[in-house]
Protein backbone atom coordinates (compact mmCIF):
# COMPACT_ATOMS: atom_id res chain seq x y z
CA ALA A 1 118.93 79.30 154.35
CA GLU A 2 121.52 81.74 152.57
CA LEU A 3 121.51 82.78 148.96
CA GLN A 4 124.92 82.64 147.56
CA PRO A 5 126.25 84.62 144.65
CA SER A 6 126.22 81.65 142.53
CA GLY A 7 122.38 81.53 142.80
CA ARG A 8 122.68 78.40 144.95
CA MET A 9 120.81 78.37 148.29
CA ALA A 10 123.19 77.10 150.95
CA PRO A 11 121.68 75.21 153.93
CA SER A 12 122.65 77.32 156.87
CA CYS A 13 119.85 76.59 159.30
CA ASP A 14 119.92 74.27 162.09
CA ARG A 15 117.25 73.48 164.58
CA GLU A 16 118.07 76.25 166.98
CA GLN A 17 118.78 78.89 164.23
CA CYS A 18 116.13 78.33 161.51
CA SER A 19 113.64 81.13 161.49
CA VAL A 20 112.21 80.72 158.03
CA GLY A 21 109.31 78.78 159.34
CA GLU A 22 106.50 77.09 157.29
CA SER A 23 104.88 80.44 156.40
CA GLY A 24 108.22 81.65 155.18
CA VAL A 25 108.56 78.58 153.01
CA ALA A 26 105.15 79.39 151.45
CA SER A 27 106.42 82.79 150.60
CA LEU A 28 109.57 81.38 149.13
CA ARG A 29 107.73 78.94 147.21
CA ARG A 30 105.56 81.69 145.57
CA GLY A 31 108.83 83.49 144.76
CA LEU A 32 110.34 80.44 143.10
CA ARG A 33 107.43 80.13 140.52
CA GLY A 34 108.99 80.38 137.21
CA ASN A 35 112.45 81.04 138.71
CA GLU A 36 114.81 79.04 136.45
CA THR A 37 118.14 80.46 137.85
CA LEU A 38 118.10 79.04 141.50
CA THR A 39 119.01 75.48 140.96
CA HIS A 40 119.98 74.35 144.47
CA LEU A 41 117.98 74.75 147.67
CA GLY A 42 118.43 73.52 151.13
CA LEU A 43 115.58 73.77 153.69
CA ARG A 44 116.24 71.76 156.81
CA TYR A 45 114.47 71.82 160.10
CA VAL A 46 111.53 74.02 158.69
CA ASN A 47 108.64 72.30 160.25
CA LEU A 48 109.95 70.38 163.34
CA PRO A 49 108.39 71.48 166.79
CA PRO A 50 110.37 74.46 168.08
CA ALA A 51 113.25 73.71 170.41
CA ASP A 52 111.68 75.67 173.03
CA ASN A 53 108.38 73.50 172.86
CA SER A 54 106.39 76.49 172.13
CA ASP A 55 103.03 76.13 170.19
CA SER A 56 103.54 76.34 166.63
CA SER A 57 100.04 75.24 165.64
CA LEU A 58 99.39 78.65 163.92
CA GLU A 59 101.84 77.75 161.06
CA PRO A 60 100.09 76.30 158.10
CA PRO A 61 101.14 72.71 157.13
CA PHE A 62 104.56 72.62 155.09
CA SER A 63 103.70 70.97 151.83
CA LEU A 64 106.60 69.18 150.33
CA ALA A 65 104.62 68.59 147.20
CA ARG A 66 103.66 72.22 146.52
CA LEU A 67 107.36 73.19 146.98
CA LEU A 68 108.42 70.53 144.38
CA GLU A 69 105.73 71.59 142.02
CA GLU A 70 106.35 75.33 142.09
CA ALA A 71 110.21 75.35 142.13
CA THR A 72 110.50 74.20 138.59
CA GLY A 73 114.26 75.34 138.15
CA LEU A 74 115.62 73.49 141.04
CA THR A 75 118.09 70.59 140.11
CA SER A 76 118.82 69.85 143.85
CA LEU A 77 116.51 70.00 146.76
CA ASP A 78 117.47 69.23 150.39
CA LEU A 79 114.31 68.83 152.60
CA ALA A 80 115.97 66.60 155.26
CA PHE A 81 114.68 66.82 158.87
CA ASN A 82 111.17 67.97 157.86
CA ILE A 83 107.98 66.05 158.60
CA ALA A 84 106.10 65.00 155.50
CA ARG A 85 102.66 65.45 156.83
CA GLY A 86 99.31 64.49 155.41
CA SER A 87 97.33 61.72 154.09
CA GLY A 88 94.96 61.25 151.23
CA HIS A 89 95.18 64.00 148.79
CA ALA A 90 98.36 65.40 150.28
CA VAL A 91 100.19 61.96 149.84
CA GLU A 92 98.91 61.75 146.28
CA ALA A 93 100.07 65.29 145.58
CA LEU A 94 103.58 64.28 146.83
CA GLN A 95 103.65 61.33 144.51
CA ARG A 96 102.73 63.56 141.42
CA ALA A 97 105.07 66.24 142.37
CA ILE A 98 108.18 63.75 142.61
CA GLY A 99 107.03 62.07 139.39
CA SER A 100 106.67 65.36 137.37
CA ALA A 101 109.65 67.28 138.66
CA THR A 102 111.48 67.37 135.24
CA ARG A 103 114.58 69.13 136.20
CA LEU A 104 115.12 67.72 139.70
CA ARG A 105 118.31 65.55 139.87
CA THR A 106 118.81 65.20 143.65
CA LEU A 107 116.35 65.00 146.34
CA SER A 108 116.94 64.48 150.14
CA LEU A 109 113.99 63.28 152.21
CA ALA A 110 116.20 62.05 154.98
CA ARG A 111 114.42 62.01 158.37
CA CYS A 112 111.13 63.22 156.78
CA CYS A 113 108.83 60.52 158.31
CA VAL A 114 108.07 59.01 154.98
CA GLY A 115 108.52 55.31 156.30
CA GLY A 116 104.76 54.73 156.87
CA TRP A 117 103.10 52.64 154.18
CA ARG A 118 101.02 55.54 152.33
CA ARG A 119 103.98 58.09 152.37
CA ALA A 120 106.54 55.47 151.29
CA ARG A 121 104.34 54.14 148.64
CA ALA A 122 103.76 57.86 147.37
CA VAL A 123 107.49 58.49 147.27
CA ALA A 124 108.14 55.11 145.66
CA ARG A 125 105.50 55.77 142.92
CA GLY A 126 106.69 59.24 142.18
CA LEU A 127 110.24 57.97 142.02
CA ALA A 128 109.25 55.19 139.59
CA ALA A 129 107.51 57.79 137.39
CA SER A 130 110.43 60.32 137.54
CA THR A 131 112.68 60.59 134.50
CA SER A 132 115.13 63.00 136.01
CA ILE A 133 115.91 61.98 139.70
CA THR A 134 119.36 60.42 139.71
CA ALA A 135 119.90 60.58 143.55
CA ILE A 136 117.62 60.26 146.45
CA ASP A 137 118.22 60.19 150.16
CA LEU A 138 115.54 58.39 152.21
CA SER A 139 117.79 57.56 155.25
CA HIS A 140 116.51 57.48 158.73
CA ASN A 141 112.86 57.11 157.74
CA GLY A 142 111.97 53.64 159.32
CA LEU A 143 111.11 52.19 155.81
CA GLY A 144 111.62 48.50 157.25
CA ALA A 145 109.49 49.18 160.26
CA ALA A 146 106.14 47.59 158.96
CA ALA A 147 107.42 44.29 158.00
CA PRO A 148 104.72 41.53 158.14
CA PRO A 149 104.92 38.72 160.76
CA PRO A 150 107.14 35.51 160.30
CA PRO A 151 105.48 32.49 158.86
CA PRO A 152 103.74 30.08 161.41
CA ALA A 153 105.98 27.44 162.70
CA GLY A 154 106.22 24.30 160.60
CA GLN A 155 105.41 25.96 157.36
CA GLN A 156 106.74 23.93 154.43
CA GLY A 157 108.82 25.13 151.65
CA SER A 158 111.26 28.01 151.58
CA PRO A 159 109.83 30.93 153.19
CA ARG A 160 109.71 34.10 151.07
CA PRO A 161 111.77 36.85 152.76
CA PHE A 162 109.59 39.20 154.79
CA ILE A 163 110.26 42.89 153.96
CA SER A 164 107.95 45.81 154.70
CA MET A 165 105.49 46.85 152.15
CA ALA A 166 107.19 50.31 152.07
CA VAL A 167 110.56 48.46 151.18
CA GLU A 168 108.73 46.40 148.49
CA ALA A 169 107.24 49.50 146.85
CA LEU A 170 110.59 51.12 146.79
CA CYS A 171 112.17 48.05 145.16
CA ARG A 172 109.56 48.22 142.38
CA ALA A 173 110.37 51.89 142.07
CA VAL A 174 114.05 51.47 141.71
CA ARG A 175 113.50 48.72 138.97
CA ALA A 176 111.12 51.12 137.23
CA ASN A 177 113.47 54.24 137.33
CA GLY A 178 116.02 54.29 134.59
CA ALA A 179 117.72 57.47 135.67
CA LEU A 180 118.44 56.62 139.39
CA ARG A 181 122.07 56.19 140.20
CA VAL A 182 122.27 56.88 144.00
CA LEU A 183 119.87 55.49 146.60
CA ARG A 184 120.72 56.34 150.21
CA LEU A 185 118.84 54.11 152.76
CA PHE A 186 121.01 54.41 155.86
CA PHE A 187 119.53 53.58 159.47
CA GLN A 188 116.20 52.22 158.53
């Protein structure tokens, strides 16, 4: 990533060139504590497996939640192409971080593996609680992948449309969030 004179962080990493790494993001996160001047940050391809398939198991887990919690001045955060890891407390932390990010207006979690039920529900609940997010990109996350099976043959009445639990949680969040203006869901 590259810091521009305007105080914006321009996404300039691609999978072959990004050398920030997860430990670098941890340092950046600490540096962003209390920083109110940096408003835009792009961090793509930070925690994907290295292109050369080398072992990256020494890197600590990349916490999307901690970055959101500590980068309080950001209004735009692009975390596309990173893997939202974790379950349990990590997923709950992601929910709290999205819901409590008071200055954040745009968030990209495209291709972040948030399509599974627990992660999708956490993102949806955080989005429902958010009063500031006006645009979110959840493209390429497989949100519709876990749809329930169709009803048995011969079932009477008009069948309820079958959508995944992740999509259902997201629909509830969209209804609850009065600030949201843009929702990107390409290629689910």
